Amino acid sequence: MKKILLLTDFSDNSLNAIEYATQLFKNEKCTFHIMHVHKIGGYTSSDLMYSNKDSVYDTFTKEPKNKLEALITSIQEKENNKNHIFEAHIDFDVFIDAIKQVIKAQEIDYVVMGTNGISGAREKLLGSNTKNVIKHIDCKTLIIPENYKFTPIKELLLPLDPKTDVKAETFTELLKFIEDYNLQLHVLRVNPNAENAEAKHRDNINLAIIKCKYHIVNNVPIDFALSTYLQTNPIDFMALFVHKEGFMEQVLSKSSTKITFSKITKPMLILHVK
């Protein structure tokens, strides 16, 4: 049984990501752990003064708990899927720590969230929460673009920069995902500065037993190559290998190896390179 963590602040963006996840995994037995990370700072001393019948914990959790229960009831009524079990989680303040604790305690397989992050903050590249999850959470993560509606996935694109190879445990995890959903794999090797014959040779060896569409692009910024490929091919899903140590540089730099996540209009599976 898959164990999936769904992050929500009850915004339309997070609810859309939850709906996408329940559709993607509709034919599999799953436990969905729906979590709201609650900020106590929104309460005032007067809130506590008028809560003498409840404990402080009850005061803080009452509203989000009711919302989570209503959300779970709504999902269950809408999808009526006997394969799916839902559990509610509420935590406080430290966003990344709260996620890590649930992942460890519940042995989570996937984290799911929207591109703008559960805060709903619209930043130039990615919502701050989304960036922090990708950088600090070592778990397979599904990032769902705002307003993206689920359609059965068929074509998956894996872009590769000069620093990334298709090998080892990370690629094995991707192949399992591809096999589970019977996907056509596209591999786009981008060398922004010059052709890397050695990388192409390694790709040919590592991909020899895999049926995929392989393309190599030289002397073009990866952002441009990726955008062009998405516009000219029927891609409906993406996978990204992320080097945790260099993630912020990859996202925030102005180099030709930067990927502008806000321009990616397809759902993304984030896999961390170890």
C-alpha atoms as a PDB file:
ATOM      1  CA  MET A   1       0.000   0.000   0.000  1.00  0.00           C
ATOM      2  CA  LYS A   2       1.336   3.428  -0.952  1.00  0.00           C
ATOM      3  CA  LYS A   3       1.553   6.085   1.734  1.00  0.00           C
ATOM      4  CA  ILE A   4       1.157   9.609   0.410  1.00  0.00           C
ATOM      5  CA  LEU A   5       1.461  12.923   2.222  1.00  0.00           C
ATOM      6  CA  LEU A   6      -0.833  15.652   0.896  1.00  0.00           C
ATOM      7  CA  LEU A   7      -0.043  19.211   2.048  1.00  0.00           C
ATOM      8  CA  THR A   8      -2.869  21.703   2.276  1.00  0.00           C
ATOM      9  CA  ASP A   9      -3.697  25.200   3.461  1.00  0.00           C
ATOM     10  CA  PHE A  10      -7.215  24.746   2.033  1.00  0.00           C
ATOM     11  CA  SER A  11      -6.404  27.032  -0.910  1.00  0.00           C
ATOM     12  CA  ASP A  12      -7.674  26.177  -4.395  1.00  0.00           C
ATOM     13  CA  ASN A  13      -4.100  25.404  -5.426  1.00  0.00           C
ATOM     14  CA  SER A  14      -3.536  22.807  -2.701  1.00  0.00           C
ATOM     15  CA  LEU A  15      -7.000  21.279  -3.176  1.00  0.00           C
ATOM     16  CA  ASN A  16      -6.309  20.918  -6.892  1.00  0.00           C
ATOM     17  CA  ALA A  17      -3.053  19.084  -6.107  1.00  0.00           C
ATOM     18  CA  ILE A  18      -4.924  16.741  -3.770  1.00  0.00           C
ATOM     19  CA  GLU A  19      -7.505  15.980  -6.452  1.00  0.00           C
ATOM     20  CA  TYR A  20      -4.729  15.276  -8.961  1.00  0.00           C
ATOM     21  CA  ALA A  21      -3.075  12.829  -6.556  1.00  0.00           C
ATOM     22  CA  THR A  22      -6.265  10.911  -5.794  1.00  0.00           C
ATOM     23  CA  GLN A  23      -6.890  10.556  -9.539  1.00  0.00           C
ATOM     24  CA  LEU A  24      -3.319   9.523 -10.320  1.00  0.00           C
ATOM     25  CA  PHE A  25      -3.391   6.789  -7.676  1.00  0.00           C
ATOM     26  CA  LYS A  26      -7.062   5.861  -8.057  1.00  0.00           C
ATOM     27  CA  ASN A  27      -6.382   2.230  -8.990  1.00  0.00           C
ATOM     28  CA  GLU A  28      -3.923   1.622  -6.139  1.00  0.00           C
ATOM     29  CA  LYS A  29      -4.404   0.976  -2.465  1.00  0.00           C
ATOM     30  CA  CYS A  30      -3.225   4.115  -0.698  1.00  0.00           C
ATOM     31  CA  THR A  31      -3.299   5.808   2.647  1.00  0.00           C
ATOM     32  CA  PHE A  32      -3.436   9.566   2.116  1.00  0.00           C
ATOM     33  CA  HIS A  33      -2.120  11.582   5.048  1.00  0.00           C
ATOM     34  CA  ILE A  34      -3.572  15.067   4.636  1.00  0.00           C
ATOM     35  CA  MET A  35      -1.589  17.578   6.664  1.00  0.00           C
ATOM     36  CA  HIS A  36      -2.139  21.211   7.532  1.00  0.00           C
ATOM     37  CA  VAL A  37       0.804  23.039   9.094  1.00  0.00           C
ATOM     38  CA  HIS A  38      -0.839  25.626  11.318  1.00  0.00           C
ATOM     39  CA  LYS A  39       0.744  28.926  12.365  1.00  0.00           C
ATOM     40  CA  ILE A  40      -0.015  29.837  15.961  1.00  0.00           C
ATOM     41  CA  GLY A  41       1.100  33.401  15.309  1.00  0.00           C
ATOM     42  CA  GLY A  42      -2.300  34.170  13.833  1.00  0.00           C
ATOM     43  CA  TYR A  43      -3.897  33.948  17.267  1.00  0.00           C
ATOM     44  CA  THR A  44      -4.095  36.767  19.804  1.00  0.00           C
ATOM     45  CA  SER A  45      -4.220  36.683  23.573  1.00  0.00           C
ATOM     46  CA  SER A  46      -7.946  37.437  23.411  1.00  0.00           C
ATOM     47  CA  ASP A  47      -8.500  34.215  21.483  1.00  0.00           C
ATOM     48  CA  LEU A  48      -7.070  32.295  24.419  1.00  0.00           C
ATOM     49  CA  MET A  49      -8.992  34.299  27.036  1.00  0.00           C
ATOM     50  CA  TYR A  50     -12.288  33.295  25.449  1.00  0.00           C
ATOM     51  CA  SER A  51     -11.343  29.625  25.168  1.00  0.00           C
ATOM     52  CA  ASN A  52     -11.525  28.745  28.892  1.00  0.00           C
ATOM     53  CA  LYS A  53     -13.612  25.647  28.163  1.00  0.00           C
ATOM     54  CA  ASP A  54     -10.931  24.184  25.921  1.00  0.00           C
ATOM     55  CA  SER A  55      -7.250  23.487  26.329  1.00  0.00           C
ATOM     56  CA  VAL A  56      -4.784  25.700  24.450  1.00  0.00           C
ATOM     57  CA  TYR A  57      -4.140  22.806  22.050  1.00  0.00           C
ATOM     58  CA  ASP A  58      -7.869  22.431  21.370  1.00  0.00           C
ATOM     59  CA  THR A  59      -8.153  26.154  20.720  1.00  0.00           C
ATOM     60  CA  PHE A  60      -5.381  26.054  18.134  1.00  0.00           C
ATOM     61  CA  THR A  61      -6.556  22.874  16.410  1.00  0.00           C
ATOM     62  CA  LYS A  62     -10.334  23.192  16.454  1.00  0.00           C
ATOM     63  CA  GLU A  63     -10.785  25.195  13.246  1.00  0.00           C
ATOM     64  CA  PRO A  64      -8.184  23.397  11.064  1.00  0.00           C
ATOM     65  CA  LYS A  65      -9.340  20.031  12.439  1.00  0.00           C
ATOM     66  CA  ASN A  66     -12.916  20.775  11.409  1.00  0.00           C
ATOM     67  CA  LYS A  67     -11.720  21.895   7.965  1.00  0.00           C
ATOM     68  CA  LEU A  68      -9.630  18.751   7.491  1.00  0.00           C
ATOM     69  CA  GLU A  69     -12.502  16.504   8.501  1.00  0.00           C
ATOM     70  CA  ALA A  70     -14.848  18.320   6.125  1.00  0.00           C
ATOM     71  CA  LEU A  71     -12.259  18.059   3.338  1.00  0.00           C
ATOM     72  CA  ILE A  72     -11.814  14.316   3.850  1.00  0.00           C
ATOM     73  CA  THR A  73     -15.577  13.774   3.873  1.00  0.00           C
ATOM     74  CA  SER A  74     -15.901  15.771   0.646  1.00  0.00           C
ATOM     75  CA  ILE A  75     -13.154  13.756  -1.079  1.00  0.00           C
ATOM     76  CA  GLN A  76     -14.584  10.422   0.031  1.00  0.00           C
ATOM     77  CA  GLU A  77     -18.066  11.333  -1.174  1.00  0.00           C
ATOM     78  CA  LYS A  78     -16.765  12.597  -4.505  1.00  0.00           C
ATOM     79  CA  GLU A  79     -14.452   9.732  -5.440  1.00  0.00           C
ATOM     80  CA  ASN A  80     -16.100   6.839  -3.540  1.00  0.00           C
ATOM     81  CA  ASN A  81     -12.907   4.801  -3.836  1.00  0.00           C
ATOM     82  CA  LYS A  82     -12.579   1.794  -1.524  1.00  0.00           C
ATOM     83  CA  ASN A  83      -8.835   1.632  -2.272  1.00  0.00           C
ATOM     84  CA  HIS A  84      -8.219   4.911  -0.462  1.00  0.00           C
ATOM     85  CA  ILE A  85      -7.911   5.628   3.248  1.00  0.00           C
ATOM     86  CA  PHE A  86      -7.541   9.180   4.599  1.00  0.00           C
ATOM     87  CA  GLU A  87      -5.927  10.374   7.807  1.00  0.00           C
ATOM     88  CA  ALA A  88      -5.741  13.957   9.078  1.00  0.00           C
ATOM     89  CA  HIS A  89      -2.631  15.601  10.579  1.00  0.00           C
ATOM     90  CA  ILE A  90      -2.206  19.029  12.150  1.00  0.00           C
ATOM     91  CA  ASP A  91       1.152  20.457  13.165  1.00  0.00           C
ATOM     92  CA  PHE A  92       2.494  23.852  14.164  1.00  0.00           C
ATOM     93  CA  ASP A  93       4.891  26.488  12.851  1.00  0.00           C
ATOM     94  CA  VAL A  94       8.042  24.674  11.701  1.00  0.00           C
ATOM     95  CA  PHE A  95       6.969  23.629   8.229  1.00  0.00           C
ATOM     96  CA  ILE A  96       9.891  21.434   7.122  1.00  0.00           C
ATOM     97  CA  ASP A  97      10.288  19.768  10.519  1.00  0.00           C
ATOM     98  CA  ALA A  98       6.598  18.878  10.553  1.00  0.00           C
ATOM     99  CA  ILE A  99       6.895  17.227   7.137  1.00  0.00           C
ATOM    100  CA  LYS A 100      10.023  15.288   8.126  1.00  0.00           C
ATOM    101  CA  GLN A 101       8.309  13.951  11.253  1.00  0.00           C
ATOM    102  CA  VAL A 102       5.296  12.644   9.332  1.00  0.00           C
ATOM    103  CA  ILE A 103       7.470  11.133   6.589  1.00  0.00           C
ATOM    104  CA  LYS A 104       9.475   9.216   9.188  1.00  0.00           C
ATOM    105  CA  ALA A 105       6.548   8.170  11.398  1.00  0.00           C
ATOM    106  CA  GLN A 106       4.267   7.103   8.548  1.00  0.00           C
ATOM    107  CA  GLU A 107       6.962   5.839   6.128  1.00  0.00           C
ATOM    108  CA  ILE A 108       5.703   8.152   3.379  1.00  0.00           C
ATOM    109  CA  ASP A 109       6.350   7.213  -0.272  1.00  0.00           C
ATOM    110  CA  TYR A 110       5.340  10.504  -1.924  1.00  0.00           C
ATOM    111  CA  VAL A 111       4.809  14.111  -0.875  1.00  0.00           C
ATOM    112  CA  VAL A 112       2.281  16.057  -2.978  1.00  0.00           C
ATOM    113  CA  MET A 113       1.890  19.836  -3.160  1.00  0.00           C
ATOM    114  CA  GLY A 114       1.092  22.654  -5.580  1.00  0.00           C
ATOM    115  CA  THR A 115       3.736  24.777  -7.314  1.00  0.00           C
ATOM    116  CA  ASN A 116       2.987  27.899  -5.291  1.00  0.00           C
ATOM    117  CA  GLY A 117       3.534  26.144  -1.974  1.00  0.00           C
ATOM    118  CA  ILE A 118       0.925  25.739   0.719  1.00  0.00           C
ATOM    119  CA  SER A 119       1.336  29.391   1.708  1.00  0.00           C
ATOM    120  CA  GLY A 120      -0.072  30.351  -1.679  1.00  0.00           C
ATOM    121  CA  ALA A 121       2.715  32.922  -2.029  1.00  0.00           C
ATOM    122  CA  ARG A 122       3.364  33.869  -5.644  1.00  0.00           C
ATOM    123  CA  GLU A 123       7.101  34.260  -6.144  1.00  0.00           C
ATOM    124  CA  LYS A 124       9.032  34.723  -9.335  1.00  0.00           C
ATOM    125  CA  LEU A 125      10.299  31.152  -9.537  1.00  0.00           C
ATOM    126  CA  LEU A 126       8.600  28.962  -6.971  1.00  0.00           C
ATOM    127  CA  GLY A 127       6.615  29.419  -3.792  1.00  0.00           C
ATOM    128  CA  SER A 128       8.972  29.481  -0.807  1.00  0.00           C
ATOM    129  CA  ASN A 129       7.437  26.365   0.718  1.00  0.00           C
ATOM    130  CA  THR A 130       7.840  24.439  -2.517  1.00  0.00           C
ATOM    131  CA  LYS A 131      11.492  25.434  -2.775  1.00  0.00           C
ATOM    132  CA  ASN A 132      12.098  24.397   0.818  1.00  0.00           C
ATOM    133  CA  VAL A 133      10.433  21.014   0.323  1.00  0.00           C
ATOM    134  CA  ILE A 134      12.536  20.287  -2.766  1.00  0.00           C
ATOM    135  CA  LYS A 135      15.706  21.426  -1.026  1.00  0.00           C
ATOM    136  CA  HIS A 136      15.240  19.844   2.407  1.00  0.00           C
ATOM    137  CA  ILE A 137      12.858  16.887   2.052  1.00  0.00           C
ATOM    138  CA  ASP A 138      14.503  13.696   0.823  1.00  0.00           C
ATOM    139  CA  CYS A 139      11.351  11.991  -0.418  1.00  0.00           C
ATOM    140  CA  LYS A 140       9.811  11.572  -3.860  1.00  0.00           C
ATOM    141  CA  THR A 141       7.750  14.715  -4.387  1.00  0.00           C
ATOM    142  CA  LEU A 142       4.955  15.473  -6.841  1.00  0.00           C
ATOM    143  CA  ILE A 143       4.609  19.154  -7.726  1.00  0.00           C
ATOM    144  CA  ILE A 144       1.294  20.017  -9.396  1.00  0.00           C
ATOM    145  CA  PRO A 145       0.968  23.306 -11.343  1.00  0.00           C
ATOM    146  CA  GLU A 146      -1.787  25.671 -10.353  1.00  0.00           C
ATOM    147  CA  ASN A 147      -5.119  24.865 -12.065  1.00  0.00           C
ATOM    148  CA  TYR A 148      -3.674  21.785 -13.811  1.00  0.00           C
ATOM    149  CA  LYS A 149      -6.437  19.199 -14.187  1.00  0.00           C
ATOM    150  CA  PHE A 150      -5.708  15.505 -14.185  1.00  0.00           C
ATOM    151  CA  THR A 151      -5.534  13.591 -17.453  1.00  0.00           C
ATOM    152  CA  PRO A 152      -4.140  10.046 -17.766  1.00  0.00           C
ATOM    153  CA  ILE A 153      -0.374  10.323 -18.133  1.00  0.00           C
ATOM    154  CA  LYS A 154       1.320   8.747 -21.158  1.00  0.00           C
ATOM    155  CA  GLU A 155       4.465  10.708 -22.031  1.00  0.00           C
ATOM    156  CA  LEU A 156       7.138  11.572 -19.453  1.00  0.00           C
ATOM    157  CA  LEU A 157      10.081  13.888 -20.077  1.00  0.00           C
ATOM    158  CA  LEU A 158      13.378  13.612 -18.205  1.00  0.00           C
ATOM    159  CA  PRO A 159      15.687  16.588 -18.891  1.00  0.00           C
ATOM    160  CA  LEU A 160      19.369  16.118 -18.070  1.00  0.00           C
ATOM    161  CA  ASP A 161      21.966  18.829 -17.529  1.00  0.00           C
ATOM    162  CA  PRO A 162      25.727  18.251 -17.891  1.00  0.00           C
ATOM    163  CA  LYS A 163      26.075  17.264 -14.216  1.00  0.00           C
ATOM    164  CA  THR A 164      23.436  14.526 -14.200  1.00  0.00           C
ATOM    165  CA  ASP A 165      23.710  10.916 -15.337  1.00  0.00           C
ATOM    166  CA  VAL A 166      21.018   8.267 -15.769  1.00  0.00           C
ATOM    167  CA  LYS A 167      22.291   5.711 -13.308  1.00  0.00           C
ATOM    168  CA  ALA A 168      22.056   4.238  -9.846  1.00  0.00           C
ATOM    169  CA  GLU A 169      19.203   4.277  -7.344  1.00  0.00           C
ATOM    170  CA  THR A 170      17.568   7.533  -8.454  1.00  0.00           C
ATOM    171  CA  PHE A 171      17.057   6.322 -12.001  1.00  0.00           C
ATOM    172  CA  THR A 172      15.800   2.958 -10.719  1.00  0.00           C
ATOM    173  CA  GLU A 173      13.056   4.802  -8.811  1.00  0.00           C
ATOM    174  CA  LEU A 174      12.064   6.637 -11.971  1.00  0.00           C
ATOM    175  CA  LEU A 175      11.948   3.411 -13.997  1.00  0.00           C
ATOM    176  CA  LYS A 176       9.620   1.883 -11.389  1.00  0.00           C
ATOM    177  CA  PHE A 177       7.280   4.865 -11.782  1.00  0.00           C
ATOM    178  CA  ILE A 178       7.418   4.546 -15.584  1.00  0.00           C
ATOM    179  CA  GLU A 179       6.653   0.828 -15.427  1.00  0.00           C
ATOM    180  CA  ASP A 180       3.775   1.314 -12.970  1.00  0.00           C
ATOM    181  CA  TYR A 181       2.014   3.701 -15.335  1.00  0.00           C
ATOM    182  CA  ASN A 182       3.233   2.258 -18.653  1.00  0.00           C
ATOM    183  CA  LEU A 183       4.764   5.557 -19.756  1.00  0.00           C
ATOM    184  CA  GLN A 184       6.747   6.524 -22.816  1.00  0.00           C
ATOM    185  CA  LEU A 185      10.034   8.007 -21.625  1.00  0.00           C
ATOM    186  CA  HIS A 186      11.622  11.003 -23.359  1.00  0.00           C
ATOM    187  CA  VAL A 187      15.206  11.875 -22.376  1.00  0.00           C
ATOM    188  CA  LEU A 188      16.443  15.345 -23.260  1.00  0.00           C
ATOM    189  CA  ARG A 189      20.189  15.791 -22.736  1.00  0.00           C
ATOM    190  CA  VAL A 190      21.089  19.493 -22.851  1.00  0.00           C
ATOM    191  CA  ASN A 191      24.675  20.695 -23.093  1.00  0.00           C
ATOM    192  CA  PRO A 192      24.383  24.489 -22.944  1.00  0.00           C
ATOM    193  CA  ASN A 193      27.971  25.252 -23.856  1.00  0.00           C
ATOM    194  CA  ALA A 194      29.292  22.488 -26.093  1.00  0.00           C
ATOM    195  CA  GLU A 195      28.657  18.884 -27.011  1.00  0.00           C
ATOM    196  CA  ASN A 196      29.674  16.405 -24.365  1.00  0.00           C
ATOM    197  CA  ALA A 197      30.495  13.233 -26.269  1.00  0.00           C
ATOM    198  CA  GLU A 198      31.348  11.381 -23.080  1.00  0.00           C
ATOM    199  CA  ALA A 199      27.920  12.084 -21.553  1.00  0.00           C
ATOM    200  CA  LYS A 200      26.199  10.933 -24.728  1.00  0.00           C
ATOM    201  CA  HIS A 201      28.242   7.727 -24.694  1.00  0.00           C
ATOM    202  CA  ARG A 202      27.275   7.048 -21.057  1.00  0.00           C
ATOM    203  CA  ASP A 203      23.617   7.708 -21.883  1.00  0.00           C
ATOM    204  CA  ASN A 204      23.721   5.222 -24.736  1.00  0.00           C
ATOM    205  CA  ILE A 205      25.077   2.558 -22.375  1.00  0.00           C
ATOM    206  CA  ASN A 206      22.682   3.278 -19.496  1.00  0.00           C
ATOM    207  CA  LEU A 207      19.621   3.562 -21.740  1.00  0.00           C
ATOM    208  CA  ALA A 208      20.443   0.613 -23.991  1.00  0.00           C
ATOM    209  CA  ILE A 209      17.790  -1.709 -22.509  1.00  0.00           C
ATOM    210  CA  ILE A 210      15.115   0.969 -22.174  1.00  0.00           C
ATOM    211  CA  LYS A 211      12.659   1.940 -24.854  1.00  0.00           C
ATOM    212  CA  CYS A 212      12.867   5.719 -24.894  1.00  0.00           C
ATOM    213  CA  LYS A 213      13.064   8.707 -27.194  1.00  0.00           C
ATOM    214  CA  TYR A 214      16.503  10.237 -26.762  1.00  0.00           C
ATOM    215  CA  HIS A 215      17.464  13.736 -27.868  1.00  0.00           C
ATOM    216  CA  ILE A 216      20.622  15.733 -27.324  1.00  0.00           C
ATOM    217  CA  VAL A 217      20.778  19.507 -27.712  1.00  0.00           C
ATOM    218  CA  ASN A 218      24.027  21.476 -27.741  1.00  0.00           C
ATOM    219  CA  ASN A 219      24.881  25.169 -27.314  1.00  0.00           C
ATOM    220  CA  VAL A 220      21.387  26.095 -26.092  1.00  0.00           C
ATOM    221  CA  PRO A 221      20.391  27.176 -22.543  1.00  0.00           C
ATOM    222  CA  ILE A 222      18.567  24.358 -20.770  1.00  0.00           C
ATOM    223  CA  ASP A 223      15.595  26.587 -19.978  1.00  0.00           C
ATOM    224  CA  PHE A 224      15.047  27.344 -23.674  1.00  0.00           C
ATOM    225  CA  ALA A 225      15.595  23.734 -24.765  1.00  0.00           C
ATOM    226  CA  LEU A 226      13.127  22.457 -22.168  1.00  0.00           C
ATOM    227  CA  SER A 227      10.462  25.020 -23.029  1.00  0.00           C
ATOM    228  CA  THR A 228      10.771  24.266 -26.740  1.00  0.00           C
ATOM    229  CA  TYR A 229      10.545  20.515 -26.206  1.00  0.00           C
ATOM    230  CA  LEU A 230       7.428  20.860 -24.060  1.00  0.00           C
ATOM    231  CA  GLN A 231       5.771  22.944 -26.769  1.00  0.00           C
ATOM    232  CA  THR A 232       6.621  20.587 -29.624  1.00  0.00           C
ATOM    233  CA  ASN A 233       5.994  17.185 -28.009  1.00  0.00           C
ATOM    234  CA  PRO A 234       2.918  15.652 -26.307  1.00  0.00           C
ATOM    235  CA  ILE A 235       4.444  15.628 -22.824  1.00  0.00           C
ATOM    236  CA  ASP A 236       2.014  15.371 -19.911  1.00  0.00           C
ATOM    237  CA  PHE A 237       4.430  14.687 -17.042  1.00  0.00           C
ATOM    238  CA  MET A 238       8.027  15.459 -16.103  1.00  0.00           C
ATOM    239  CA  ALA A 239      10.698  14.026 -13.854  1.00  0.00           C
ATOM    240  CA  LEU A 240      13.580  16.079 -12.487  1.00  0.00           C
ATOM    241  CA  PHE A 241      16.748  14.846 -10.825  1.00  0.00           C
ATOM    242  CA  VAL A 242      17.696  17.407  -8.191  1.00  0.00           C
ATOM    243  CA  HIS A 243      21.128  17.725  -6.626  1.00  0.00           C
ATOM    244  CA  LYS A 244      20.248  18.986  -3.162  1.00  0.00           C
ATOM    245  CA  GLU A 245      23.574  20.732  -2.619  1.00  0.00           C
ATOM    246  CA  GLY A 246      23.231  22.858  -5.742  1.00  0.00           C
ATOM    247  CA  PHE A 247      19.472  23.273  -5.870  1.00  0.00           C
ATOM    248  CA  MET A 248      19.263  26.962  -4.934  1.00  0.00           C
ATOM    249  CA  GLU A 249      22.031  27.815  -7.389  1.00  0.00           C
ATOM    250  CA  GLN A 250      20.224  25.832 -10.081  1.00  0.00           C
ATOM    251  CA  VAL A 251      16.962  27.698  -9.431  1.00  0.00           C
ATOM    252  CA  LEU A 252      18.184  31.208  -8.667  1.00  0.00           C
ATOM    253  CA  SER A 253      21.226  31.650 -10.893  1.00  0.00           C
ATOM    254  CA  LYS A 254      21.143  33.309 -14.283  1.00  0.00           C
ATOM    255  CA  SER A 255      23.320  30.664 -15.877  1.00  0.00           C
ATOM    256  CA  SER A 256      22.501  28.649 -18.970  1.00  0.00           C
ATOM    257  CA  THR A 257      21.996  25.560 -16.779  1.00  0.00           C
ATOM    258  CA  LYS A 258      19.136  27.079 -14.763  1.00  0.00           C
ATOM    259  CA  ILE A 259      15.602  25.680 -14.995  1.00  0.00           C
ATOM    260  CA  THR A 260      12.858  28.262 -14.454  1.00  0.00           C
ATOM    261  CA  PHE A 261      10.272  26.152 -12.659  1.00  0.00           C
ATOM    262  CA  SER A 262       7.499  28.720 -13.085  1.00  0.00           C
ATOM    263  CA  LYS A 263       7.627  28.131 -16.843  1.00  0.00           C
ATOM    264  CA  ILE A 264       6.993  24.404 -16.467  1.00  0.00           C
ATOM    265  CA  THR A 265       3.299  23.792 -17.034  1.00  0.00           C
ATOM    266  CA  LYS A 266       3.331  20.039 -16.422  1.00  0.00           C
ATOM    267  CA  PRO A 267       3.248  18.040 -13.172  1.00  0.00           C
ATOM    268  CA  MET A 268       6.739  17.157 -11.934  1.00  0.00           C
ATOM    269  CA  LEU A 269       8.149  14.184 -10.062  1.00  0.00           C
ATOM    270  CA  ILE A 270      11.162  15.379  -8.052  1.00  0.00           C
ATOM    271  CA  LEU A 271      13.833  12.766  -7.357  1.00  0.00           C
ATOM    272  CA  HIS A 272      16.881  13.618  -5.274  1.00  0.00           C
ATOM    273  CA  VAL A 273      20.278  12.558  -6.532  1.00  0.00           C
ATOM    274  CA  LYS A 274      22.245  11.033  -3.664  1.00  0.00           C
END
